[in-house]
Amino acid sequence: AVIGVVLSQNKESSSFETYGSTKTDTYKDVIKDIIN
């Protein structure tokens, strides 16, 4: 499968400051691994 993925994050989440917004780029390989 060839998939383009769009994720929606909750800005009010307690994890948003740590993992969300611009910090998501830091974890994109982990996200890709989970999706794979």
All heavy atoms as atom14 arrays in JSON, in Angstrom:
{
  "sequence": "AVIGVVLSQNKESSSFETYGSTKTDTYKDVIKDIIN",
  "atom14_mask": [
    [1, 1, 1, 1, 1, 0, 0, 0, 0, 0, 0, 0, 0, 0],
    [1, 1, 1, 1, 1, 1, 1, 0, 0, 0, 0, 0, 0, 0],
    [1, 1, 1, 1, 1, 1, 1, 1, 0, 0, 0, 0, 0, 0],
    [1, 1, 1, 1, 0, 0, 0, 0, 0, 0, 0, 0, 0, 0],
    [1, 1, 1, 1, 1, 1, 1, 0, 0, 0, 0, 0, 0, 0],
    [1, 1, 1, 1, 1, 1, 1, 0, 0, 0, 0, 0, 0, 0],
    [1, 1, 1, 1, 1, 1, 1, 1, 0, 0, 0, 0, 0, 0],
    [1, 1, 1, 1, 1, 1, 0, 0, 0, 0, 0, 0, 0, 0],
    [1, 1, 1, 1, 1, 1, 1, 1, 1, 0, 0, 0, 0, 0],
    [1, 1, 1, 1, 1, 1, 1, 1, 0, 0, 0, 0, 0, 0],
    [1, 1, 1, 1, 1, 1, 1, 1, 1, 0, 0, 0, 0, 0],
    [1, 1, 1, 1, 1, 1, 1, 1, 1, 0, 0, 0, 0, 0],
    [1, 1, 1, 1, 1, 1, 0, 0, 0, 0, 0, 0, 0, 0],
    [1, 1, 1, 1, 1, 1, 0, 0, 0, 0, 0, 0, 0, 0],
    [1, 1, 1, 1, 1, 1, 0, 0, 0, 0, 0, 0, 0, 0],
    [1, 1, 1, 1, 1, 1, 1, 1, 1, 1, 1, 0, 0, 0],
    [1, 1, 1, 1, 1, 1, 1, 1, 1, 0, 0, 0, 0, 0],
    [1, 1, 1, 1, 1, 1, 1, 0, 0, 0, 0, 0, 0, 0],
    [1, 1, 1, 1, 1, 1, 1, 1, 1, 1, 1, 1, 0, 0],
    [1, 1, 1, 1, 0, 0, 0, 0, 0, 0, 0, 0, 0, 0],
    [1, 1, 1, 1, 1, 1, 0, 0, 0, 0, 0, 0, 0, 0],
    [1, 1, 1, 1, 1, 1, 1, 0, 0, 0, 0, 0, 0, 0],
    [1, 1, 1, 1, 1, 1, 1, 1, 1, 0, 0, 0, 0, 0],
    [1, 1, 1, 1, 1, 1, 1, 0, 0, 0, 0, 0, 0, 0],
    [1, 1, 1, 1, 1, 1, 1, 1, 0, 0, 0, 0, 0, 0],
    [1, 1, 1, 1, 1, 1, 1, 0, 0, 0, 0, 0, 0, 0],
    [1, 1, 1, 1, 1, 1, 1, 1, 1, 1, 1, 1, 0, 0],
    [1, 1, 1, 1, 1, 1, 1, 1, 1, 0, 0, 0, 0, 0],
    [1, 1, 1, 1, 1, 1, 1, 1, 0, 0, 0, 0, 0, 0],
    [1, 1, 1, 1, 1, 1, 1, 0, 0, 0, 0, 0, 0, 0],
    [1, 1, 1, 1, 1, 1, 1, 1, 0, 0, 0, 0, 0, 0],
    [1, 1, 1, 1, 1, 1, 1, 1, 1, 0, 0, 0, 0, 0],
    [1, 1, 1, 1, 1, 1, 1, 1, 0, 0, 0, 0, 0, 0],
    [1, 1, 1, 1, 1, 1, 1, 1, 0, 0, 0, 0, 0, 0],
    [1, 1, 1, 1, 1, 1, 1, 1, 0, 0, 0, 0, 0, 0],
    [1, 1, 1, 1, 1, 1, 1, 1, 0, 0, 0, 0, 0, 0]
  ],
  "atom14_positions": [
    [[0.85, -1.19, 0.0], [0.0, 0.0, 0.0], [0.88, 1.23, 0.0], [1.91, 1.27, 0.65], [-0.9, 0.01, 1.22], [0.0, 0.0, 0.0], [0.0, 0.0, 0.0], [0.0, 0.0, 0.0], [0.0, 0.0, 0.0], [0.0, 0.0, 0.0], [0.0, 0.0, 0.0], [0.0, 0.0, 0.0], [0.0, 0.0, 0.0], [0.0, 0.0, 0.0]],
    [[0.47, 2.23, -0.76], [1.13, 3.54, -0.74], [0.13, 4.5, -0.12], [-0.95, 4.72, -0.67], [1.53, 3.98, -2.17], [2.2, 5.34, -2.12], [2.42, 2.95, -2.83], [0.0, 0.0, 0.0], [0.0, 0.0, 0.0], [0.0, 0.0, 0.0], [0.0, 0.0, 0.0], [0.0, 0.0, 0.0], [0.0, 0.0, 0.0], [0.0, 0.0, 0.0]],
    [[0.5, 5.05, 1.05], [-0.46, 5.81, 1.84], [0.12, 7.18, 2.2], [1.26, 7.28, 2.64], [-0.8, 5.06, 3.15], [-1.4, 3.7, 2.84], [-1.73, 5.87, 4.02], [-1.62, 2.85, 4.06], [0.0, 0.0, 0.0], [0.0, 0.0, 0.0], [0.0, 0.0, 0.0], [0.0, 0.0, 0.0], [0.0, 0.0, 0.0], [0.0, 0.0, 0.0]],
    [[-0.67, 8.21, 2.02], [-0.38, 9.55, 2.53], [-1.18, 9.73, 3.81], [-2.39, 9.5, 3.82], [0.0, 0.0, 0.0], [0.0, 0.0, 0.0], [0.0, 0.0, 0.0], [0.0, 0.0, 0.0], [0.0, 0.0, 0.0], [0.0, 0.0, 0.0], [0.0, 0.0, 0.0], [0.0, 0.0, 0.0], [0.0, 0.0, 0.0], [0.0, 0.0, 0.0]],
    [[-0.54, 10.12, 4.89], [-1.21, 10.15, 6.19], [-1.33, 11.58, 6.71], [-0.39, 12.37, 6.63], [-0.43, 9.29, 7.22], [-1.11, 9.32, 8.57], [-0.29, 7.86, 6.73], [0.0, 0.0, 0.0], [0.0, 0.0, 0.0], [0.0, 0.0, 0.0], [0.0, 0.0, 0.0], [0.0, 0.0, 0.0], [0.0, 0.0, 0.0], [0.0, 0.0, 0.0]],
    [[-2.51, 11.89, 7.24], [-2.78, 13.17, 7.9], [-3.25, 12.86, 9.31], [-4.18, 12.09, 9.51], [-3.88, 13.96, 7.15], [-4.16, 15.27, 7.86], [-3.49, 14.2, 5.71], [0.0, 0.0, 0.0], [0.0, 0.0, 0.0], [0.0, 0.0, 0.0], [0.0, 0.0, 0.0], [0.0, 0.0, 0.0], [0.0, 0.0, 0.0], [0.0, 0.0, 0.0]],
    [[-2.58, 13.46, 10.3], [-2.92, 13.26, 11.7], [-3.54, 14.52, 12.27], [-3.11, 15.63, 11.94], [-1.66, 12.91, 12.5], [-0.84, 11.73, 12.0], [0.47, 11.64, 12.74], [-1.63, 10.45, 12.13], [0.0, 0.0, 0.0], [0.0, 0.0, 0.0], [0.0, 0.0, 0.0], [0.0, 0.0, 0.0], [0.0, 0.0, 0.0], [0.0, 0.0, 0.0]],
    [[-4.53, 14.37, 13.13], [-5.14, 15.51, 13.81], [-4.81, 15.41, 15.29], [-5.11, 14.4, 15.93], [-6.65, 15.51, 13.62], [-6.97, 15.67, 12.26], [0.0, 0.0, 0.0], [0.0, 0.0, 0.0], [0.0, 0.0, 0.0], [0.0, 0.0, 0.0], [0.0, 0.0, 0.0], [0.0, 0.0, 0.0], [0.0, 0.0, 0.0], [0.0, 0.0, 0.0]],
    [[-4.21, 16.47, 15.82], [-3.81, 16.49, 17.22], [-4.71, 17.43, 18.02], [-5.13, 18.46, 17.52], [-2.36, 16.95, 17.36], [-1.37, 16.04, 16.68], [0.05, 16.59, 16.73], [0.27, 17.76, 16.99], [1.01, 15.73, 16.46], [0.0, 0.0, 0.0], [0.0, 0.0, 0.0], [0.0, 0.0, 0.0], [0.0, 0.0, 0.0], [0.0, 0.0, 0.0]],
    [[-4.93, 17.06, 19.27], [-5.73, 17.85, 20.19], [-4.83, 18.88, 20.86], [-3.95, 18.53, 21.63], [-6.37, 16.92, 21.23], [-7.18, 17.63, 22.26], [-7.35, 18.85, 22.22], [-7.71, 16.87, 23.2], [0.0, 0.0, 0.0], [0.0, 0.0, 0.0], [0.0, 0.0, 0.0], [0.0, 0.0, 0.0], [0.0, 0.0, 0.0], [0.0, 0.0, 0.0]],
    [[-5.05, 20.15, 20.58], [-4.22, 21.22, 21.16], [-4.39, 21.31, 22.68], [-3.52, 21.83, 23.36], [-4.57, 22.58, 20.54], [-4.14, 22.73, 19.11], [-4.52, 24.11, 18.6], [-4.19, 24.3, 17.15], [-4.59, 25.63, 16.67], [0.0, 0.0, 0.0], [0.0, 0.0, 0.0], [0.0, 0.0, 0.0], [0.0, 0.0, 0.0], [0.0, 0.0, 0.0]],
    [[-5.49, 20.81, 23.21], [-5.75, 20.89, 24.64], [-5.24, 19.67, 25.41], [-5.4, 19.59, 26.62], [-7.24, 21.07, 24.89], [-7.75, 22.4, 24.38], [-9.22, 22.61, 24.7], [-9.94, 21.63, 24.98], [-9.64, 23.77, 24.66], [0.0, 0.0, 0.0], [0.0, 0.0, 0.0], [0.0, 0.0, 0.0], [0.0, 0.0, 0.0], [0.0, 0.0, 0.0]],
    [[-4.6, 18.75, 24.71], [-4.07, 17.55, 25.36], [-2.88, 17.9, 26.24], [-2.09, 18.81, 25.94], [-3.63, 16.55, 24.28], [-2.89, 15.5, 24.86], [0.0, 0.0, 0.0], [0.0, 0.0, 0.0], [0.0, 0.0, 0.0], [0.0, 0.0, 0.0], [0.0, 0.0, 0.0], [0.0, 0.0, 0.0], [0.0, 0.0, 0.0], [0.0, 0.0, 0.0]],
    [[-2.74, 17.16, 27.32], [-1.58, 17.37, 28.2], [-0.28, 16.96, 27.5], [0.79, 17.43, 27.86], [-1.76, 16.59, 29.5], [-1.92, 15.21, 29.21], [0.0, 0.0, 0.0], [0.0, 0.0, 0.0], [0.0, 0.0, 0.0], [0.0, 0.0, 0.0], [0.0, 0.0, 0.0], [0.0, 0.0, 0.0], [0.0, 0.0, 0.0], [0.0, 0.0, 0.0]],
    [[-0.36, 16.11, 26.5], [0.81, 15.66, 25.75], [1.18, 16.6, 24.6], [2.21, 16.42, 23.96], [0.56, 14.27, 25.19], [0.25, 13.37, 26.21], [0.0, 0.0, 0.0], [0.0, 0.0, 0.0], [0.0, 0.0, 0.0], [0.0, 0.0, 0.0], [0.0, 0.0, 0.0], [0.0, 0.0, 0.0], [0.0, 0.0, 0.0], [0.0, 0.0, 0.0]],
    [[0.32, 17.58, 24.31], [0.54, 18.44, 23.15], [1.83, 19.25, 23.28], [2.56, 19.41, 22.3], [-0.66, 19.37, 22.93], [-0.58, 20.15, 21.64], [-0.79, 19.52, 20.42], [-0.31, 21.5, 21.64], [-0.72, 20.23, 19.24], [-0.25, 22.22, 20.47], [-0.45, 21.58, 19.26], [0.0, 0.0, 0.0], [0.0, 0.0, 0.0], [0.0, 0.0, 0.0]],
    [[2.11, 19.74, 24.45], [3.34, 20.54, 24.65], [4.59, 19.69, 24.43], [5.6, 20.18, 23.95], [3.36, 21.16, 26.06], [2.31, 22.23, 26.27], [2.5, 23.43, 25.35], [3.66, 23.84, 25.12], [1.49, 23.94, 24.85], [0.0, 0.0, 0.0], [0.0, 0.0, 0.0], [0.0, 0.0, 0.0], [0.0, 0.0, 0.0], [0.0, 0.0, 0.0]],
    [[4.52, 18.42, 24.79], [5.68, 17.55, 24.69], [5.86, 16.96, 23.29], [6.96, 16.94, 22.75], [5.55, 16.39, 25.7], [5.27, 16.92, 26.98], [6.81, 15.56, 25.75], [0.0, 0.0, 0.0], [0.0, 0.0, 0.0], [0.0, 0.0, 0.0], [0.0, 0.0, 0.0], [0.0, 0.0, 0.0], [0.0, 0.0, 0.0], [0.0, 0.0, 0.0]],
    [[4.76, 16.46, 22.7], [4.85, 15.72, 21.44], [4.19, 16.4, 20.26], [4.38, 16.0, 19.13], [4.21, 14.34, 21.6], [4.78, 13.52, 22.72], [4.0, 13.16, 23.81], [6.09, 13.08, 22.68], [4.51, 12.4, 24.83], [6.62, 12.32, 23.7], [5.82, 11.97, 24.77], [6.32, 11.21, 25.79], [0.0, 0.0, 0.0], [0.0, 0.0, 0.0]],
    [[3.36, 17.4, 20.49], [2.55, 17.96, 19.42], [3.18, 19.12, 18.7], [4.32, 19.5, 18.92], [0.0, 0.0, 0.0], [0.0, 0.0, 0.0], [0.0, 0.0, 0.0], [0.0, 0.0, 0.0], [0.0, 0.0, 0.0], [0.0, 0.0, 0.0], [0.0, 0.0, 0.0], [0.0, 0.0, 0.0], [0.0, 0.0, 0.0], [0.0, 0.0, 0.0]],
    [[2.38, 19.67, 17.78], [2.75, 20.87, 17.04], [4.06, 20.69, 16.3], [4.24, 19.72, 15.59], [2.79, 22.06, 18.01], [3.06, 23.25, 17.34], [0.0, 0.0, 0.0], [0.0, 0.0, 0.0], [0.0, 0.0, 0.0], [0.0, 0.0, 0.0], [0.0, 0.0, 0.0], [0.0, 0.0, 0.0], [0.0, 0.0, 0.0], [0.0, 0.0, 0.0]],
    [[4.98, 21.61, 16.45], [6.25, 21.56, 15.72], [7.15, 20.44, 16.22], [8.07, 20.02, 15.51], [6.99, 22.9, 15.87], [7.18, 23.18, 17.26], [6.21, 24.02, 15.22], [0.0, 0.0, 0.0], [0.0, 0.0, 0.0], [0.0, 0.0, 0.0], [0.0, 0.0, 0.0], [0.0, 0.0, 0.0], [0.0, 0.0, 0.0], [0.0, 0.0, 0.0]],
    [[6.92, 19.91, 17.41], [7.74, 18.82, 17.95], [7.4, 17.49, 17.3], [8.12, 16.52, 17.49], [7.57, 18.76, 19.47], [8.09, 20.01, 20.15], [7.89, 19.95, 21.63], [8.36, 21.28, 22.23], [8.11, 21.38, 23.63], [0.0, 0.0, 0.0], [0.0, 0.0, 0.0], [0.0, 0.0, 0.0], [0.0, 0.0, 0.0], [0.0, 0.0, 0.0]],
    [[6.32, 17.45, 16.56], [5.94, 16.21, 15.9], [7.01, 15.78, 14.9], [7.23, 14.59, 14.71], [4.57, 16.38, 15.19], [3.63, 16.86, 16.14], [4.08, 15.08, 14.62], [0.0, 0.0, 0.0], [0.0, 0.0, 0.0], [0.0, 0.0, 0.0], [0.0, 0.0, 0.0], [0.0, 0.0, 0.0], [0.0, 0.0, 0.0], [0.0, 0.0, 0.0]],
    [[7.69, 16.73, 14.26], [8.76, 16.39, 13.32], [9.85, 15.57, 13.99], [10.46, 14.71, 13.37], [9.36, 17.66, 12.71], [8.46, 18.28, 11.65], [7.68, 17.52, 11.04], [8.54, 19.5, 11.44], [0.0, 0.0, 0.0], [0.0, 0.0, 0.0], [0.0, 0.0, 0.0], [0.0, 0.0, 0.0], [0.0, 0.0, 0.0], [0.0, 0.0, 0.0]],
    [[10.1, 15.84, 15.26], [11.11, 15.09, 16.0], [10.72, 13.62, 16.1], [11.58, 12.74, 16.07], [11.26, 15.67, 17.43], [11.48, 17.07, 17.33], [12.38, 15.0, 18.18], [0.0, 0.0, 0.0], [0.0, 0.0, 0.0], [0.0, 0.0, 0.0], [0.0, 0.0, 0.0], [0.0, 0.0, 0.0], [0.0, 0.0, 0.0], [0.0, 0.0, 0.0]],
    [[9.44, 13.35, 16.2], [8.95, 11.99, 16.4], [8.37, 11.37, 15.14], [7.74, 10.31, 15.21], [7.88, 12.0, 17.51], [8.4, 12.49, 18.82], [8.17, 13.8, 19.23], [9.15, 11.67, 19.64], [8.67, 14.27, 20.44], [9.64, 12.12, 20.85], [9.41, 13.42, 21.25], [9.9, 13.87, 22.43], [0.0, 0.0, 0.0], [0.0, 0.0, 0.0]],
    [[8.6, 11.98, 13.97], [7.95, 11.48, 12.76], [8.41, 10.08, 12.39], [7.62, 9.3, 11.86], [8.11, 12.46, 11.6], [9.46, 12.51, 10.97], [9.46, 13.46, 9.8], [10.86, 13.54, 9.23], [10.93, 14.46, 8.14], [0.0, 0.0, 0.0], [0.0, 0.0, 0.0], [0.0, 0.0, 0.0], [0.0, 0.0, 0.0], [0.0, 0.0, 0.0]],
    [[9.66, 9.72, 12.69], [10.11, 8.36, 12.39], [9.42, 7.34, 13.29], [9.1, 6.23, 12.85], [11.63, 8.26, 12.52], [12.35, 9.01, 11.4], [11.77, 9.1, 10.29], [13.46, 9.52, 11.63], [0.0, 0.0, 0.0], [0.0, 0.0, 0.0], [0.0, 0.0, 0.0], [0.0, 0.0, 0.0], [0.0, 0.0, 0.0], [0.0, 0.0, 0.0]],
    [[9.17, 7.7, 14.53], [8.43, 6.81, 15.43], [7.0, 6.67, 14.93], [6.44, 5.56, 14.92], [8.45, 7.38, 16.88], [7.59, 6.54, 17.81], [9.87, 7.48, 17.39], [0.0, 0.0, 0.0], [0.0, 0.0, 0.0], [0.0, 0.0, 0.0], [0.0, 0.0, 0.0], [0.0, 0.0, 0.0], [0.0, 0.0, 0.0], [0.0, 0.0, 0.0]],
    [[6.42, 7.76, 14.49], [5.05, 7.73, 13.96], [4.99, 6.85, 12.71], [4.08, 6.03, 12.56], [4.55, 9.17, 13.66], [4.4, 9.95, 14.96], [3.25, 9.15, 12.87], [4.18, 11.44, 14.77], [0.0, 0.0, 0.0], [0.0, 0.0, 0.0], [0.0, 0.0, 0.0], [0.0, 0.0, 0.0], [0.0, 0.0, 0.0], [0.0, 0.0, 0.0]],
    [[5.95, 7.01, 11.81], [5.98, 6.19, 10.6], [6.11, 4.71, 10.94], [5.49, 3.86, 10.32], [7.14, 6.62, 9.7], [6.91, 7.92, 8.99], [8.12, 8.26, 8.13], [7.99, 9.59, 7.44], [9.16, 9.9, 6.59], [0.0, 0.0, 0.0], [0.0, 0.0, 0.0], [0.0, 0.0, 0.0], [0.0, 0.0, 0.0], [0.0, 0.0, 0.0]],
    [[6.95, 4.4, 11.93], [7.13, 3.02, 12.35], [5.82, 2.43, 12.88], [5.46, 1.31, 12.53], [8.23, 2.93, 13.42], [8.49, 1.51, 13.85], [8.77, 0.66, 12.97], [8.41, 1.24, 15.07], [0.0, 0.0, 0.0], [0.0, 0.0, 0.0], [0.0, 0.0, 0.0], [0.0, 0.0, 0.0], [0.0, 0.0, 0.0], [0.0, 0.0, 0.0]],
    [[5.11, 3.2, 13.69], [3.83, 2.73, 14.22], [2.84, 2.49, 13.08], [2.14, 1.47, 13.04], [3.26, 3.75, 15.24], [4.11, 3.73, 16.51], [1.79, 3.46, 15.55], [3.78, 4.83, 17.49], [0.0, 0.0, 0.0], [0.0, 0.0, 0.0], [0.0, 0.0, 0.0], [0.0, 0.0, 0.0], [0.0, 0.0, 0.0], [0.0, 0.0, 0.0]],
    [[2.79, 3.42, 12.13], [1.88, 3.28, 10.98], [2.27, 2.06, 10.15], [1.41, 1.25, 9.77], [1.86, 4.57, 10.14], [1.24, 5.71, 10.94], [1.1, 4.35, 8.83], [1.4, 7.07, 10.31], [0.0, 0.0, 0.0], [0.0, 0.0, 0.0], [0.0, 0.0, 0.0], [0.0, 0.0, 0.0], [0.0, 0.0, 0.0], [0.0, 0.0, 0.0]],
    [[3.57, 1.89, 9.87], [4.04, 0.73, 9.09], [3.66, -0.58, 9.75], [3.12, -1.48, 9.11], [5.56, 0.78, 8.9], [5.98, 1.66, 7.76], [5.31, 1.71, 6.74], [7.08, 2.36, 7.92], [0.0, 0.0, 0.0], [0.0, 0.0, 0.0], [0.0, 0.0, 0.0], [0.0, 0.0, 0.0], [0.0, 0.0, 0.0], [0.0, 0.0, 0.0]]
  ]
}
